[in-house]
N, C-alpha and C. Protein backbone atom coordinates (compact mmCIF):
# COMPACT_ATOMS: atom_id res chain seq x y z
N UNK A 1 0.27 -10.65 84.79
CA UNK A 1 1.19 -9.55 84.56
C UNK A 1 2.62 -9.98 84.87
N UNK A 2 2.79 -10.80 85.87
CA UNK A 2 4.10 -11.31 86.21
C UNK A 2 4.66 -12.20 85.11
N UNK A 3 3.77 -12.95 84.42
CA UNK A 3 4.20 -13.87 83.38
C UNK A 3 4.86 -13.14 82.22
N UNK A 4 4.36 -11.97 81.86
CA UNK A 4 4.96 -11.23 80.75
C UNK A 4 6.37 -10.78 81.08
N UNK A 5 6.61 -10.42 82.34
CA UNK A 5 7.96 -10.03 82.75
C UNK A 5 8.90 -11.22 82.68
N UNK A 6 8.43 -12.38 83.10
CA UNK A 6 9.25 -13.59 83.06
C UNK A 6 9.56 -13.96 81.62
N UNK A 7 8.55 -13.91 80.73
CA UNK A 7 8.76 -14.23 79.32
C UNK A 7 9.72 -13.26 78.67
N UNK A 8 9.63 -11.98 79.03
CA UNK A 8 10.51 -10.98 78.47
C UNK A 8 11.94 -11.23 78.92
N UNK A 9 12.13 -11.61 80.17
CA UNK A 9 13.46 -11.89 80.68
C UNK A 9 14.06 -13.11 79.98
N UNK A 10 13.26 -14.12 79.70
CA UNK A 10 13.75 -15.31 79.03
C UNK A 10 14.19 -15.00 77.61
N UNK A 11 13.49 -14.09 76.93
CA UNK A 11 13.83 -13.79 75.54
C UNK A 11 15.14 -13.02 75.43
N UNK A 12 15.53 -12.28 76.46
CA UNK A 12 16.77 -11.52 76.42
C UNK A 12 17.91 -12.24 77.14
N UNK A 13 17.63 -13.39 77.69
CA UNK A 13 18.64 -14.14 78.43
C UNK A 13 19.66 -14.72 77.47
N UNK A 14 20.94 -14.59 77.81
CA UNK A 14 22.03 -15.13 76.99
C UNK A 14 22.46 -16.48 77.56
N UNK A 15 22.86 -17.36 76.67
CA UNK A 15 23.31 -18.69 77.05
C UNK A 15 24.73 -18.85 76.54
N UNK A 16 25.60 -19.37 77.38
CA UNK A 16 26.98 -19.61 76.96
C UNK A 16 27.04 -20.87 76.11
N UNK A 17 27.79 -20.79 75.01
CA UNK A 17 27.86 -21.90 74.07
C UNK A 17 29.31 -22.07 73.61
N UNK A 18 29.73 -23.29 73.50
CA UNK A 18 31.07 -23.58 73.02
C UNK A 18 30.98 -24.12 71.60
N UNK A 19 31.79 -23.56 70.68
CA UNK A 19 31.76 -24.02 69.29
C UNK A 19 33.18 -24.27 68.80
N UNK A 20 33.29 -25.07 67.76
CA UNK A 20 34.56 -25.29 67.08
C UNK A 20 34.50 -24.48 65.79
N UNK A 21 35.51 -23.61 65.58
CA UNK A 21 35.51 -22.74 64.41
C UNK A 21 36.91 -22.70 63.83
N UNK A 22 37.00 -22.56 62.54
CA UNK A 22 38.28 -22.47 61.84
C UNK A 22 39.07 -21.28 62.38
N UNK A 23 40.32 -21.49 62.71
CA UNK A 23 41.12 -20.42 63.32
C UNK A 23 41.31 -19.24 62.37
N UNK A 24 41.40 -19.49 61.07
CA UNK A 24 41.53 -18.39 60.11
C UNK A 24 40.26 -17.55 60.06
N UNK A 25 39.12 -18.21 60.17
CA UNK A 25 37.85 -17.49 60.20
C UNK A 25 37.75 -16.65 61.46
N UNK A 26 38.16 -17.20 62.58
CA UNK A 26 38.14 -16.44 63.83
C UNK A 26 39.07 -15.24 63.76
N UNK A 27 40.23 -15.38 63.12
CA UNK A 27 41.14 -14.25 62.95
C UNK A 27 40.47 -13.13 62.15
N UNK A 28 39.74 -13.49 61.11
CA UNK A 28 39.05 -12.49 60.30
C UNK A 28 37.97 -11.78 61.12
N UNK A 29 37.25 -12.53 61.94
CA UNK A 29 36.20 -11.94 62.78
C UNK A 29 36.82 -11.02 63.82
N UNK A 30 37.95 -11.42 64.38
CA UNK A 30 38.58 -10.60 65.42
C UNK A 30 39.13 -9.30 64.86
N UNK A 31 39.36 -9.22 63.54
CA UNK A 31 39.76 -7.95 62.94
C UNK A 31 38.59 -6.97 62.94
N UNK A 32 37.37 -7.50 63.00
CA UNK A 32 36.19 -6.64 63.01
C UNK A 32 35.83 -6.14 64.40
N UNK A 33 36.01 -7.00 65.40
CA UNK A 33 35.57 -6.66 66.76
C UNK A 33 36.35 -7.46 67.78
N UNK A 34 36.38 -6.97 69.00
CA UNK A 34 37.00 -7.70 70.10
C UNK A 34 36.06 -8.74 70.69
N UNK A 35 34.78 -8.67 70.31
CA UNK A 35 33.78 -9.60 70.83
C UNK A 35 33.17 -10.41 69.68
N UNK A 36 33.83 -11.51 69.27
CA UNK A 36 33.33 -12.30 68.14
C UNK A 36 31.94 -12.86 68.36
N UNK A 37 31.50 -13.00 69.61
CA UNK A 37 30.18 -13.56 69.87
C UNK A 37 29.08 -12.68 69.27
N UNK A 38 29.29 -11.36 69.25
CA UNK A 38 28.29 -10.46 68.67
C UNK A 38 28.18 -10.67 67.17
N UNK A 39 29.32 -10.87 66.50
CA UNK A 39 29.32 -11.10 65.06
C UNK A 39 28.64 -12.42 64.75
N UNK A 40 28.96 -13.45 65.51
CA UNK A 40 28.38 -14.78 65.30
C UNK A 40 26.88 -14.74 65.56
N UNK A 41 26.46 -14.07 66.63
CA UNK A 41 25.03 -13.97 66.95
C UNK A 41 24.28 -13.22 65.85
N UNK A 42 24.85 -12.13 65.37
CA UNK A 42 24.21 -11.36 64.31
C UNK A 42 24.10 -12.18 63.02
N UNK A 43 25.16 -12.90 62.67
CA UNK A 43 25.13 -13.74 61.47
C UNK A 43 24.11 -14.85 61.60
N UNK A 44 23.99 -15.43 62.77
CA UNK A 44 23.03 -16.50 63.00
C UNK A 44 21.60 -15.98 62.88
N UNK A 45 21.34 -14.80 63.47
CA UNK A 45 20.00 -14.20 63.35
C UNK A 45 19.66 -13.93 61.88
N UNK A 46 20.63 -13.38 61.14
CA UNK A 46 20.42 -13.08 59.73
C UNK A 46 20.16 -14.36 58.95
N UNK A 47 20.90 -15.41 59.22
CA UNK A 47 20.72 -16.68 58.53
C UNK A 47 19.35 -17.28 58.82
N UNK A 48 18.90 -17.19 60.07
CA UNK A 48 17.59 -17.73 60.43
C UNK A 48 16.46 -16.93 59.78
N UNK A 49 16.65 -15.63 59.62
CA UNK A 49 15.64 -14.79 58.95
C UNK A 49 15.65 -15.03 57.45
N UNK A 50 16.78 -15.50 56.94
CA UNK A 50 16.89 -15.78 55.52
C UNK A 50 17.06 -14.55 54.67
N UNK A 51 17.69 -13.52 55.21
CA UNK A 51 17.87 -12.32 54.42
C UNK A 51 18.90 -11.40 55.02
N UNK A 52 18.86 -10.17 54.57
CA UNK A 52 19.77 -9.15 55.04
C UNK A 52 19.26 -8.55 56.34
N UNK A 53 20.15 -8.04 57.16
CA UNK A 53 19.69 -7.39 58.39
C UNK A 53 18.84 -6.16 58.08
N UNK A 54 17.88 -5.88 58.96
CA UNK A 54 16.97 -4.76 58.75
C UNK A 54 17.69 -3.42 58.79
N UNK A 55 18.78 -3.36 59.53
CA UNK A 55 19.48 -2.09 59.66
C UNK A 55 20.54 -1.89 58.58
N UNK A 56 20.49 -2.70 57.53
CA UNK A 56 21.44 -2.57 56.43
C UNK A 56 21.20 -1.24 55.73
N UNK A 57 22.19 -0.38 55.76
CA UNK A 57 22.03 0.95 55.19
C UNK A 57 22.58 1.04 53.77
N UNK A 58 23.50 0.17 53.43
CA UNK A 58 24.11 0.21 52.11
C UNK A 58 23.21 -0.50 51.10
N UNK A 59 23.07 0.11 49.95
CA UNK A 59 22.29 -0.49 48.87
C UNK A 59 23.24 -1.00 47.80
N UNK A 60 22.92 -2.12 47.22
CA UNK A 60 23.72 -2.65 46.13
C UNK A 60 23.18 -2.06 44.84
N UNK A 61 23.99 -1.24 44.19
CA UNK A 61 23.57 -0.60 42.95
C UNK A 61 24.25 -1.28 41.77
N UNK A 62 23.57 -1.28 40.63
CA UNK A 62 24.17 -1.81 39.42
C UNK A 62 25.30 -0.88 39.00
N UNK A 63 26.40 -1.46 38.57
CA UNK A 63 27.55 -0.63 38.18
C UNK A 63 27.19 0.23 36.96
N UNK A 64 26.67 -0.36 35.93
CA UNK A 64 26.24 0.37 34.74
C UNK A 64 24.78 0.00 34.47
N UNK A 65 23.86 0.92 34.69
CA UNK A 65 22.45 0.58 34.46
C UNK A 65 22.22 0.27 32.98
N UNK A 66 21.32 -0.66 32.69
CA UNK A 66 21.06 -1.02 31.29
C UNK A 66 20.40 0.14 30.53
N UNK A 67 20.72 0.23 29.24
CA UNK A 67 20.14 1.26 28.39
C UNK A 67 18.88 0.69 27.76
N UNK A 68 17.78 1.43 27.79
CA UNK A 68 16.54 0.90 27.21
C UNK A 68 16.66 0.79 25.68
N UNK A 69 15.88 -0.08 25.07
CA UNK A 69 15.94 -0.24 23.61
C UNK A 69 15.51 1.04 22.89
N UNK A 70 15.94 1.16 21.62
CA UNK A 70 15.57 2.34 20.82
C UNK A 70 14.06 2.50 20.77
N UNK A 71 13.64 3.74 20.78
CA UNK A 71 12.21 4.01 20.68
C UNK A 71 11.60 4.40 22.01
N UNK A 72 12.39 4.31 23.08
CA UNK A 72 11.84 4.73 24.38
C UNK A 72 12.32 6.15 24.66
N UNK A 73 13.44 6.33 25.30
CA UNK A 73 13.87 7.70 25.61
C UNK A 73 15.19 8.06 24.96
N UNK A 74 15.89 7.12 24.35
CA UNK A 74 17.23 7.41 23.86
C UNK A 74 17.32 7.45 22.33
N UNK A 75 16.29 7.95 21.67
CA UNK A 75 16.32 8.03 20.20
C UNK A 75 17.35 9.02 19.73
């Protein structure tokens, strides 16, 4: 039972990391938040998952949906 608590603590533990990043990119990130580490962590998680974040609420819709060929509903 103690092992599960230790494993849970390790999974939420944060590690300090130093990176080199383009200053213009950092300026853009700082316009979004005062804590760029959250943006970088979120982007890294998304990249490792290989997709969009699960909490993505916006849907990408087609600007003009295609019209079906004659003979279906638009006769």
